Amino acid sequence: MARMDRLRELVDRLHPAGLLYSTYEHRLLAEIPDGRLPRHVAVMADGNRRWARANAPGKPLEVGYRAGAEKLLQFAEWCDEAHISLVTLWVLSTDNLRRGEEFEIAPLLDVIATLVEDLAAREDWQVKCVGALDLLPEDVAARLRTAEEATAGHSGMMINVAVSYGGRHEMRDAFRSLLAEHAERGTPMAELAETVEVEHISQHLYTRGQPDPDLIIRTSGEQRLSGFLMWQSAHSEYYFCEALWPDFRKVDFVRALRSFAERERRYGR
């Protein structure tokens, strides 16, 4: 499917309107000064189910999931072309796992596992699954871990796939890990309470060792954080786009980069 999607994109670009957009994209990118691009871009790819209802009425919502996965592959390619070194894709929240049967979680999990395998198959990309994989069915979790391990020696763009991810869940796990570490050392609780610092907590996050996201993109017109990267996004810049995720275009991505480049980052000051 991803190959067909790239073929359709090529056909669209050969169309006069596609050529016009391609020229516009390159012009926008050229306008961004050196050093003004984000190092870490995260995306909340929202709107797949609404897209399916509008574009494939009567068909299973899986159609929207697969269209969204194809767009995530494209998005990763766009980031690589723009020399973004780290990308985080939020594909499944812990809240999603608690929804009823109408959410069609089983086909979504298969789409996600296939997406991670497709990302891992790309030359030199590193893939890291961030989230509570223990909440997933074991066969799905095994596919994710296998794909991740296959990229362990790669040195290219890092791609975090946030699956079974919730910001509060991550912070809970970070504190549990921190407390367990100090319990093993025999650190008295009173001493830990006096000495724990922000960086100590950061070392126990799913994304430990990585830079925080500079730019977070959310599609489908929603303008809320939904607990995404709660700790890491303290100083992130946000870009909200009206397009449903499968309709998100490269020109939308470039506009997000330009918007980021035009902002004066104050880091809370």
C-alpha atoms as a PDB file:
ATOM      1  CA  MET A   1       0.000   0.000   0.000  1.00  0.00           C
ATOM      2  CA  ALA A   2       2.799   2.422   0.814  1.00  0.00           C
ATOM      3  CA  ARG A   3       4.304   1.816  -2.644  1.00  0.00           C
ATOM      4  CA  MET A   4       0.952   2.582  -4.296  1.00  0.00           C
ATOM      5  CA  ASP A   5       0.597   5.708  -2.200  1.00  0.00           C
ATOM      6  CA  ARG A   6       4.023   6.957  -3.335  1.00  0.00           C
ATOM      7  CA  LEU A   7       3.053   6.177  -6.943  1.00  0.00           C
ATOM      8  CA  ARG A   8      -0.134   8.205  -6.570  1.00  0.00           C
ATOM      9  CA  GLU A   9       1.909  11.049  -5.083  1.00  0.00           C
ATOM     10  CA  LEU A  10       4.260  10.938  -8.080  1.00  0.00           C
ATOM     11  CA  VAL A  11       1.322  11.028 -10.502  1.00  0.00           C
ATOM     12  CA  ASP A  12      -0.155  13.968  -8.598  1.00  0.00           C
ATOM     13  CA  ARG A  13       3.156  15.810  -8.803  1.00  0.00           C
ATOM     14  CA  LEU A  14       3.327  15.308 -12.567  1.00  0.00           C
ATOM     15  CA  HIS A  15      -0.068  16.982 -12.846  1.00  0.00           C
ATOM     16  CA  PRO A  16       0.242  20.768 -13.376  1.00  0.00           C
ATOM     17  CA  ALA A  17      -1.297  21.463  -9.963  1.00  0.00           C
ATOM     18  CA  GLY A  18       1.110  18.977  -8.381  1.00  0.00           C
ATOM     19  CA  LEU A  19       4.078  20.647 -10.041  1.00  0.00           C
ATOM     20  CA  LEU A  20       2.858  24.004  -8.745  1.00  0.00           C
ATOM     21  CA  TYR A  21       2.662  22.663  -5.187  1.00  0.00           C
ATOM     22  CA  SER A  22       6.104  21.072  -5.513  1.00  0.00           C
ATOM     23  CA  THR A  23       7.577  24.419  -6.582  1.00  0.00           C
ATOM     24  CA  TYR A  24       5.789  26.146  -3.718  1.00  0.00           C
ATOM     25  CA  GLU A  25       7.096  23.572  -1.197  1.00  0.00           C
ATOM     26  CA  HIS A  26      10.676  24.059  -2.366  1.00  0.00           C
ATOM     27  CA  ARG A  27      10.300  27.838  -2.193  1.00  0.00           C
ATOM     28  CA  LEU A  28       8.975  27.673   1.356  1.00  0.00           C
ATOM     29  CA  LEU A  29      11.811  25.395   2.432  1.00  0.00           C
ATOM     30  CA  ALA A  30      14.357  27.676   0.803  1.00  0.00           C
ATOM     31  CA  GLU A  31      12.991  30.614   2.816  1.00  0.00           C
ATOM     32  CA  ILE A  32      13.807  28.911   6.132  1.00  0.00           C
ATOM     33  CA  PRO A  33      17.194  30.176   7.393  1.00  0.00           C
ATOM     34  CA  ASP A  34      19.944  27.732   8.277  1.00  0.00           C
ATOM     35  CA  GLY A  35      19.724  26.588  11.853  1.00  0.00           C
ATOM     36  CA  ARG A  36      16.019  27.411  12.199  1.00  0.00           C
ATOM     37  CA  LEU A  37      14.647  23.914  11.592  1.00  0.00           C
ATOM     38  CA  PRO A  38      13.564  21.800  14.566  1.00  0.00           C
ATOM     39  CA  ARG A  39      15.742  18.874  15.634  1.00  0.00           C
ATOM     40  CA  HIS A  40      12.812  16.882  17.000  1.00  0.00           C
ATOM     41  CA  VAL A  41       9.341  16.930  15.439  1.00  0.00           C
ATOM     42  CA  ALA A  42       6.425  15.087  17.024  1.00  0.00           C
ATOM     43  CA  VAL A  43       3.027  14.552  15.432  1.00  0.00           C
ATOM     44  CA  MET A  44      -0.418  13.809  16.812  1.00  0.00           C
ATOM     45  CA  ALA A  45      -1.873  12.179  13.697  1.00  0.00           C
ATOM     46  CA  ASP A  46      -5.548  12.798  14.417  1.00  0.00           C
ATOM     47  CA  GLY A  47      -8.584  12.290  12.207  1.00  0.00           C
ATOM     48  CA  ASN A  48      -8.182   8.833  10.642  1.00  0.00           C
ATOM     49  CA  ARG A  49     -11.617   7.587  11.719  1.00  0.00           C
ATOM     50  CA  ARG A  50     -13.388  10.781  10.631  1.00  0.00           C
ATOM     51  CA  TRP A  51     -11.566  10.542   7.295  1.00  0.00           C
ATOM     52  CA  ALA A  52     -12.808   6.962   6.846  1.00  0.00           C
ATOM     53  CA  ARG A  53     -16.405   7.944   7.593  1.00  0.00           C
ATOM     54  CA  ALA A  54     -16.242  10.800   5.064  1.00  0.00           C
ATOM     55  CA  ASN A  55     -14.267   9.046   2.317  1.00  0.00           C
ATOM     56  CA  ALA A  56     -15.216   5.375   2.660  1.00  0.00           C
ATOM     57  CA  PRO A  57     -18.798   5.273   3.987  1.00  0.00           C
ATOM     58  CA  GLY A  58     -20.022   1.777   4.679  1.00  0.00           C
ATOM     59  CA  LYS A  59     -16.494   0.381   4.847  1.00  0.00           C
ATOM     60  CA  PRO A  60     -14.682  -0.615   8.050  1.00  0.00           C
ATOM     61  CA  LEU A  61     -12.797   2.081   9.909  1.00  0.00           C
ATOM     62  CA  GLU A  62      -9.649   0.093   9.183  1.00  0.00           C
ATOM     63  CA  VAL A  63      -9.598   1.917   5.832  1.00  0.00           C
ATOM     64  CA  GLY A  64      -8.850   5.125   7.705  1.00  0.00           C
ATOM     65  CA  TYR A  65      -6.197   3.466   9.855  1.00  0.00           C
ATOM     66  CA  ARG A  66      -4.372   2.176   6.782  1.00  0.00           C
ATOM     67  CA  ALA A  67      -4.596   5.551   5.032  1.00  0.00           C
ATOM     68  CA  GLY A  68      -3.182   7.149   8.175  1.00  0.00           C
ATOM     69  CA  ALA A  69      -0.323   4.643   8.342  1.00  0.00           C
ATOM     70  CA  GLU A  70       0.599   5.353   4.725  1.00  0.00           C
ATOM     71  CA  LYS A  71       0.688   9.066   5.531  1.00  0.00           C
ATOM     72  CA  LEU A  72       2.932   8.416   8.546  1.00  0.00           C
ATOM     73  CA  LEU A  73       5.425   6.669   6.268  1.00  0.00           C
ATOM     74  CA  GLN A  74       5.340   9.669   3.949  1.00  0.00           C
ATOM     75  CA  PHE A  75       5.707  12.036   6.896  1.00  0.00           C
ATOM     76  CA  ALA A  76       8.835  10.194   8.047  1.00  0.00           C
ATOM     77  CA  GLU A  77      10.269  10.521   4.532  1.00  0.00           C
ATOM     78  CA  TRP A  78       9.543  14.262   4.509  1.00  0.00           C
ATOM     79  CA  CYS A  79      11.297  14.646   7.857  1.00  0.00           C
ATOM     80  CA  ASP A  80      14.305  12.719   6.581  1.00  0.00           C
ATOM     81  CA  GLU A  81      14.452  14.911   3.475  1.00  0.00           C
ATOM     82  CA  ALA A  82      14.384  18.012   5.715  1.00  0.00           C
ATOM     83  CA  HIS A  83      17.226  16.549   7.832  1.00  0.00           C
ATOM     84  CA  ILE A  84      15.124  16.286  10.978  1.00  0.00           C
ATOM     85  CA  SER A  85      17.116  13.984  13.266  1.00  0.00           C
ATOM     86  CA  LEU A  86      14.315  12.765  15.557  1.00  0.00           C
ATOM     87  CA  VAL A  87      10.614  12.156  14.895  1.00  0.00           C
ATOM     88  CA  THR A  88       7.913  10.973  17.288  1.00  0.00           C
ATOM     89  CA  LEU A  89       4.695   9.507  15.863  1.00  0.00           C
ATOM     90  CA  TRP A  90       1.768   9.044  18.268  1.00  0.00           C
ATOM     91  CA  VAL A  91      -0.272   6.142  16.907  1.00  0.00           C
ATOM     92  CA  LEU A  92      -2.152   4.709  19.914  1.00  0.00           C
ATOM     93  CA  SER A  93      -2.941   6.074  23.364  1.00  0.00           C
ATOM     94  CA  THR A  94      -3.651   4.178  26.557  1.00  0.00           C
ATOM     95  CA  ASP A  95      -7.114   5.788  26.425  1.00  0.00           C
ATOM     96  CA  ASN A  96      -7.716   4.135  23.041  1.00  0.00           C
ATOM     97  CA  LEU A  97      -7.068   0.736  24.604  1.00  0.00           C
ATOM     98  CA  ARG A  98      -9.879   1.328  27.090  1.00  0.00           C
ATOM     99  CA  ARG A  99     -12.497   2.166  24.462  1.00  0.00           C
ATOM    100  CA  GLY A 100     -15.268  -0.222  23.529  1.00  0.00           C
ATOM    101  CA  GLU A 101     -15.560  -2.612  20.595  1.00  0.00           C
ATOM    102  CA  GLU A 102     -16.759   0.181  18.291  1.00  0.00           C
ATOM    103  CA  PHE A 103     -13.182   1.497  18.210  1.00  0.00           C
ATOM    104  CA  GLU A 104     -12.102  -1.625  16.253  1.00  0.00           C
ATOM    105  CA  ILE A 105      -8.877  -1.989  18.208  1.00  0.00           C
ATOM    106  CA  ALA A 106      -7.796  -5.356  16.742  1.00  0.00           C
ATOM    107  CA  PRO A 107      -7.393  -4.162  13.118  1.00  0.00           C
ATOM    108  CA  LEU A 108      -5.762  -0.962  14.357  1.00  0.00           C
ATOM    109  CA  LEU A 109      -3.137  -2.970  16.252  1.00  0.00           C
ATOM    110  CA  ASP A 110      -2.329  -4.948  13.104  1.00  0.00           C
ATOM    111  CA  VAL A 111      -1.978  -1.707  11.107  1.00  0.00           C
ATOM    112  CA  ILE A 112       0.361  -0.284  13.760  1.00  0.00           C
ATOM    113  CA  ALA A 113       2.541  -3.402  13.867  1.00  0.00           C
ATOM    114  CA  THR A 114       2.791  -3.382  10.073  1.00  0.00           C
ATOM    115  CA  LEU A 115       3.656   0.329  10.104  1.00  0.00           C
ATOM    116  CA  VAL A 116       6.486  -0.233  12.593  1.00  0.00           C
ATOM    117  CA  GLU A 117       7.792  -3.127  10.475  1.00  0.00           C
ATOM    118  CA  ASP A 118       7.680  -0.914   7.365  1.00  0.00           C
ATOM    119  CA  LEU A 119       9.553   1.885   9.157  1.00  0.00           C
ATOM    120  CA  ALA A 120      12.160  -0.602  10.382  1.00  0.00           C
ATOM    121  CA  ALA A 121      12.639  -1.906   6.841  1.00  0.00           C
ATOM    122  CA  ARG A 122      13.789   1.505   5.586  1.00  0.00           C
ATOM    123  CA  GLU A 123      17.533   1.802   5.153  1.00  0.00           C
ATOM    124  CA  ASP A 124      19.311   3.210   8.224  1.00  0.00           C
ATOM    125  CA  TRP A 125      16.273   4.489  10.151  1.00  0.00           C
ATOM    126  CA  GLN A 126      16.265   3.693  13.860  1.00  0.00           C
ATOM    127  CA  VAL A 127      12.910   2.744  15.368  1.00  0.00           C
ATOM    128  CA  LYS A 128      12.055   2.912  19.065  1.00  0.00           C
ATOM    129  CA  CYS A 129       8.655   1.994  20.486  1.00  0.00           C
ATOM    130  CA  VAL A 130       7.778   4.244  23.414  1.00  0.00           C
ATOM    131  CA  GLY A 131       4.838   3.281  25.579  1.00  0.00           C
ATOM    132  CA  ALA A 132       3.474   0.555  27.803  1.00  0.00           C
ATOM    133  CA  LEU A 133       3.895  -2.427  25.508  1.00  0.00           C
ATOM    134  CA  ASP A 134       2.866  -4.706  28.357  1.00  0.00           C
ATOM    135  CA  LEU A 135      -0.719  -3.488  27.853  1.00  0.00           C
ATOM    136  CA  LEU A 136      -0.778  -4.857  24.293  1.00  0.00           C
ATOM    137  CA  PRO A 137      -1.530  -8.410  23.179  1.00  0.00           C
ATOM    138  CA  GLU A 138       1.707 -10.396  23.379  1.00  0.00           C
ATOM    139  CA  ASP A 139       1.820 -11.194  19.652  1.00  0.00           C
ATOM    140  CA  VAL A 140       1.558  -7.490  18.773  1.00  0.00           C
ATOM    141  CA  ALA A 141       4.152  -6.487  21.369  1.00  0.00           C
ATOM    142  CA  ALA A 142       6.501  -9.178  20.025  1.00  0.00           C
ATOM    143  CA  ARG A 143       6.205  -7.816  16.474  1.00  0.00           C
ATOM    144  CA  LEU A 144       7.008  -4.311  17.720  1.00  0.00           C
ATOM    145  CA  ARG A 145      10.036  -5.452  19.726  1.00  0.00           C
ATOM    146  CA  THR A 146      11.367  -7.526  16.822  1.00  0.00           C
ATOM    147  CA  ALA A 147      11.094  -4.582  14.419  1.00  0.00           C
ATOM    148  CA  GLU A 148      12.764  -2.264  16.918  1.00  0.00           C
ATOM    149  CA  GLU A 149      15.635  -4.670  17.551  1.00  0.00           C
ATOM    150  CA  ALA A 150      16.265  -5.004  13.809  1.00  0.00           C
ATOM    151  CA  THR A 151      17.246  -1.303  13.667  1.00  0.00           C
ATOM    152  CA  ALA A 152      19.499  -1.298  16.734  1.00  0.00           C
ATOM    153  CA  GLY A 153      22.672  -0.811  14.691  1.00  0.00           C
ATOM    154  CA  HIS A 154      21.304   1.895  12.414  1.00  0.00           C
ATOM    155  CA  SER A 155      22.653   5.438  12.560  1.00  0.00           C
ATOM    156  CA  GLY A 156      20.082   7.408  10.560  1.00  0.00           C
ATOM    157  CA  MET A 157      17.004   9.321  11.626  1.00  0.00           C
ATOM    158  CA  MET A 158      15.490   8.160  14.928  1.00  0.00           C
ATOM    159  CA  ILE A 159      11.753   7.447  14.873  1.00  0.00           C
ATOM    160  CA  ASN A 160       9.853   7.052  18.132  1.00  0.00           C
ATOM    161  CA  VAL A 161       6.545   5.273  17.688  1.00  0.00           C
ATOM    162  CA  ALA A 162       4.358   6.175  20.648  1.00  0.00           C
ATOM    163  CA  VAL A 163       2.105   3.129  20.960  1.00  0.00           C
ATOM    164  CA  SER A 164       0.034   2.335  24.035  1.00  0.00           C
ATOM    165  CA  TYR A 165       1.268   5.726  25.183  1.00  0.00           C
ATOM    166  CA  GLY A 166      -0.231   8.108  27.733  1.00  0.00           C
ATOM    167  CA  GLY A 167       1.532  11.061  29.314  1.00  0.00           C
ATOM    168  CA  ARG A 168       0.275  10.322  32.815  1.00  0.00           C
ATOM    169  CA  HIS A 169       1.080   6.644  32.341  1.00  0.00           C
ATOM    170  CA  GLU A 170       4.632   7.559  31.341  1.00  0.00           C
ATOM    171  CA  MET A 171       5.118   9.778  34.379  1.00  0.00           C
ATOM    172  CA  ARG A 172       3.743   7.065  36.655  1.00  0.00           C
ATOM    173  CA  ASP A 173       6.188   4.560  35.151  1.00  0.00           C
ATOM    174  CA  ALA A 174       9.056   7.056  35.490  1.00  0.00           C
ATOM    175  CA  PHE A 175       8.372   7.584  39.195  1.00  0.00           C
ATOM    176  CA  ARG A 176       7.984   3.846  39.772  1.00  0.00           C
ATOM    177  CA  SER A 177      11.314   3.223  38.061  1.00  0.00           C
ATOM    178  CA  LEU A 178      13.020   5.974  40.039  1.00  0.00           C
ATOM    179  CA  LEU A 179      11.661   4.681  43.347  1.00  0.00           C
ATOM    180  CA  ALA A 180      12.591   1.101  42.518  1.00  0.00           C
ATOM    181  CA  GLU A 181      16.153   2.156  41.646  1.00  0.00           C
ATOM    182  CA  HIS A 182      16.619   3.930  44.959  1.00  0.00           C
ATOM    183  CA  ALA A 183      14.950   1.142  46.916  1.00  0.00           C
ATOM    184  CA  GLU A 184      17.528  -1.242  45.458  1.00  0.00           C
ATOM    185  CA  ARG A 185      20.286   1.150  46.544  1.00  0.00           C
ATOM    186  CA  GLY A 186      18.784   1.425  50.010  1.00  0.00           C
ATOM    187  CA  THR A 187      18.222   5.177  49.782  1.00  0.00           C
ATOM    188  CA  PRO A 188      16.025   6.359  52.691  1.00  0.00           C
ATOM    189  CA  MET A 189      12.752   7.906  51.473  1.00  0.00           C
ATOM    190  CA  ALA A 190      13.417  11.145  53.349  1.00  0.00           C
ATOM    191  CA  GLU A 191      16.800  11.490  51.642  1.00  0.00           C
ATOM    192  CA  LEU A 192      15.272  10.822  48.221  1.00  0.00           C
ATOM    193  CA  ALA A 193      12.602  13.462  48.844  1.00  0.00           C
ATOM    194  CA  GLU A 194      15.321  16.012  49.611  1.00  0.00           C
ATOM    195  CA  THR A 195      17.675  15.168  46.741  1.00  0.00           C
ATOM    196  CA  VAL A 196      15.561  14.174  43.714  1.00  0.00           C
ATOM    197  CA  GLU A 197      15.961  16.631  40.823  1.00  0.00           C
ATOM    198  CA  VAL A 198      14.228  17.199  37.493  1.00  0.00           C
ATOM    199  CA  GLU A 199      17.014  15.496  35.538  1.00  0.00           C
ATOM    200  CA  HIS A 200      16.721  12.402  37.741  1.00  0.00           C
ATOM    201  CA  ILE A 201      13.094  12.002  36.691  1.00  0.00           C
ATOM    202  CA  SER A 202      13.951  12.638  33.020  1.00  0.00           C
ATOM    203  CA  GLN A 203      16.349   9.702  33.129  1.00  0.00           C
ATOM    204  CA  HIS A 204      13.400   7.358  33.705  1.00  0.00           C
ATOM    205  CA  LEU A 205      11.089   8.574  30.927  1.00  0.00           C
ATOM    206  CA  TYR A 206      10.387   6.463  27.838  1.00  0.00           C
ATOM    207  CA  THR A 207      12.412   9.019  25.832  1.00  0.00           C
ATOM    208  CA  ARG A 208      15.397   9.197  28.220  1.00  0.00           C
ATOM    209  CA  GLY A 209      18.547  10.423  26.555  1.00  0.00           C
ATOM    210  CA  GLN A 210      16.656  12.186  23.750  1.00  0.00           C
ATOM    211  CA  PRO A 211      16.156  15.916  23.189  1.00  0.00           C
ATOM    212  CA  ASP A 212      12.663  17.226  23.929  1.00  0.00           C
ATOM    213  CA  PRO A 213      10.403  17.954  20.934  1.00  0.00           C
ATOM    214  CA  ASP A 214      10.930  21.380  19.414  1.00  0.00           C
ATOM    215  CA  LEU A 215       7.745  21.239  17.321  1.00  0.00           C
ATOM    216  CA  ILE A 216       4.534  19.277  17.886  1.00  0.00           C
ATOM    217  CA  ILE A 217       2.009  19.087  15.043  1.00  0.00           C
ATOM    218  CA  ARG A 218      -1.628  18.132  15.586  1.00  0.00           C
ATOM    219  CA  THR A 219      -4.086  17.613  12.747  1.00  0.00           C
ATOM    220  CA  SER A 220      -7.902  17.502  12.349  1.00  0.00           C
ATOM    221  CA  GLY A 221      -8.547  20.898  13.919  1.00  0.00           C
ATOM    222  CA  GLU A 222      -8.198  19.694  17.508  1.00  0.00           C
ATOM    223  CA  GLN A 223      -6.332  22.150  19.727  1.00  0.00           C
ATOM    224  CA  ARG A 224      -5.621  20.214  22.894  1.00  0.00           C
ATOM    225  CA  LEU A 225      -2.621  18.309  24.214  1.00  0.00           C
ATOM    226  CA  SER A 226      -4.364  15.073  25.280  1.00  0.00           C
ATOM    227  CA  GLY A 227      -1.441  14.194  27.537  1.00  0.00           C
ATOM    228  CA  PHE A 228       1.064  13.797  24.694  1.00  0.00           C
ATOM    229  CA  LEU A 229       4.670  14.072  25.929  1.00  0.00           C
ATOM    230  CA  MET A 230       3.491  15.986  28.993  1.00  0.00           C
ATOM    231  CA  TRP A 231       6.920  16.208  30.601  1.00  0.00           C
ATOM    232  CA  GLN A 232       8.937  16.673  27.412  1.00  0.00           C
ATOM    233  CA  SER A 233       6.724  19.351  25.819  1.00  0.00           C
ATOM    234  CA  ALA A 234       7.146  22.045  28.487  1.00  0.00           C
ATOM    235  CA  HIS A 235       8.848  24.360  25.973  1.00  0.00           C
ATOM    236  CA  SER A 236       7.652  22.853  22.681  1.00  0.00           C
ATOM    237  CA  GLU A 237       6.096  24.946  19.935  1.00  0.00           C
ATOM    238  CA  TYR A 238       2.716  23.734  18.631  1.00  0.00           C
ATOM    239  CA  TYR A 239       1.268  23.842  15.128  1.00  0.00           C
ATOM    240  CA  PHE A 240      -2.411  22.989  14.641  1.00  0.00           C
ATOM    241  CA  CYS A 241      -3.700  22.024  11.197  1.00  0.00           C
ATOM    242  CA  GLU A 242      -7.334  21.636  10.109  1.00  0.00           C
ATOM    243  CA  ALA A 243      -6.687  18.737   7.715  1.00  0.00           C
ATOM    244  CA  LEU A 244      -7.633  15.230   8.772  1.00  0.00           C
ATOM    245  CA  TRP A 245      -4.425  13.213   9.033  1.00  0.00           C
ATOM    246  CA  PRO A 246      -4.704  11.193   5.764  1.00  0.00           C
ATOM    247  CA  ASP A 247      -5.244  14.508   3.918  1.00  0.00           C
ATOM    248  CA  PHE A 248      -2.158  16.143   5.472  1.00  0.00           C
ATOM    249  CA  ARG A 249       0.126  17.231   2.607  1.00  0.00           C
ATOM    250  CA  LYS A 250       3.803  17.936   2.317  1.00  0.00           C
ATOM    251  CA  VAL A 251       2.987  21.613   1.827  1.00  0.00           C
ATOM    252  CA  ASP A 252       1.211  21.541   5.215  1.00  0.00           C
ATOM    253  CA  PHE A 253       4.353  20.059   6.745  1.00  0.00           C
ATOM    254  CA  VAL A 254       6.565  22.721   5.180  1.00  0.00           C
ATOM    255  CA  ARG A 255       4.212  25.440   6.415  1.00  0.00           C
ATOM    256  CA  ALA A 256       4.566  24.007   9.924  1.00  0.00           C
ATOM    257  CA  LEU A 257       8.359  24.174   9.609  1.00  0.00           C
ATOM    258  CA  ARG A 258       8.171  27.756   8.354  1.00  0.00           C
ATOM    259  CA  SER A 259       5.855  28.731  11.203  1.00  0.00           C
ATOM    260  CA  PHE A 260       8.317  27.226  13.683  1.00  0.00           C
ATOM    261  CA  ALA A 261      11.248  29.059  12.086  1.00  0.00           C
ATOM    262  CA  GLU A 262       9.450  32.381  12.380  1.00  0.00           C
ATOM    263  CA  ARG A 263       8.816  32.067  16.119  1.00  0.00           C
ATOM    264  CA  GLU A 264      10.996  33.502  18.848  1.00  0.00           C
ATOM    265  CA  ARG A 265      11.456  30.701  21.346  1.00  0.00           C
ATOM    266  CA  ARG A 266      11.495  31.971  24.936  1.00  0.00           C
ATOM    267  CA  TYR A 267      11.672  28.661  26.829  1.00  0.00           C
ATOM    268  CA  GLY A 268       9.319  29.995  29.501  1.00  0.00           C
ATOM    269  CA  ARG A 269      11.237  33.236  29.994  1.00  0.00           C
END
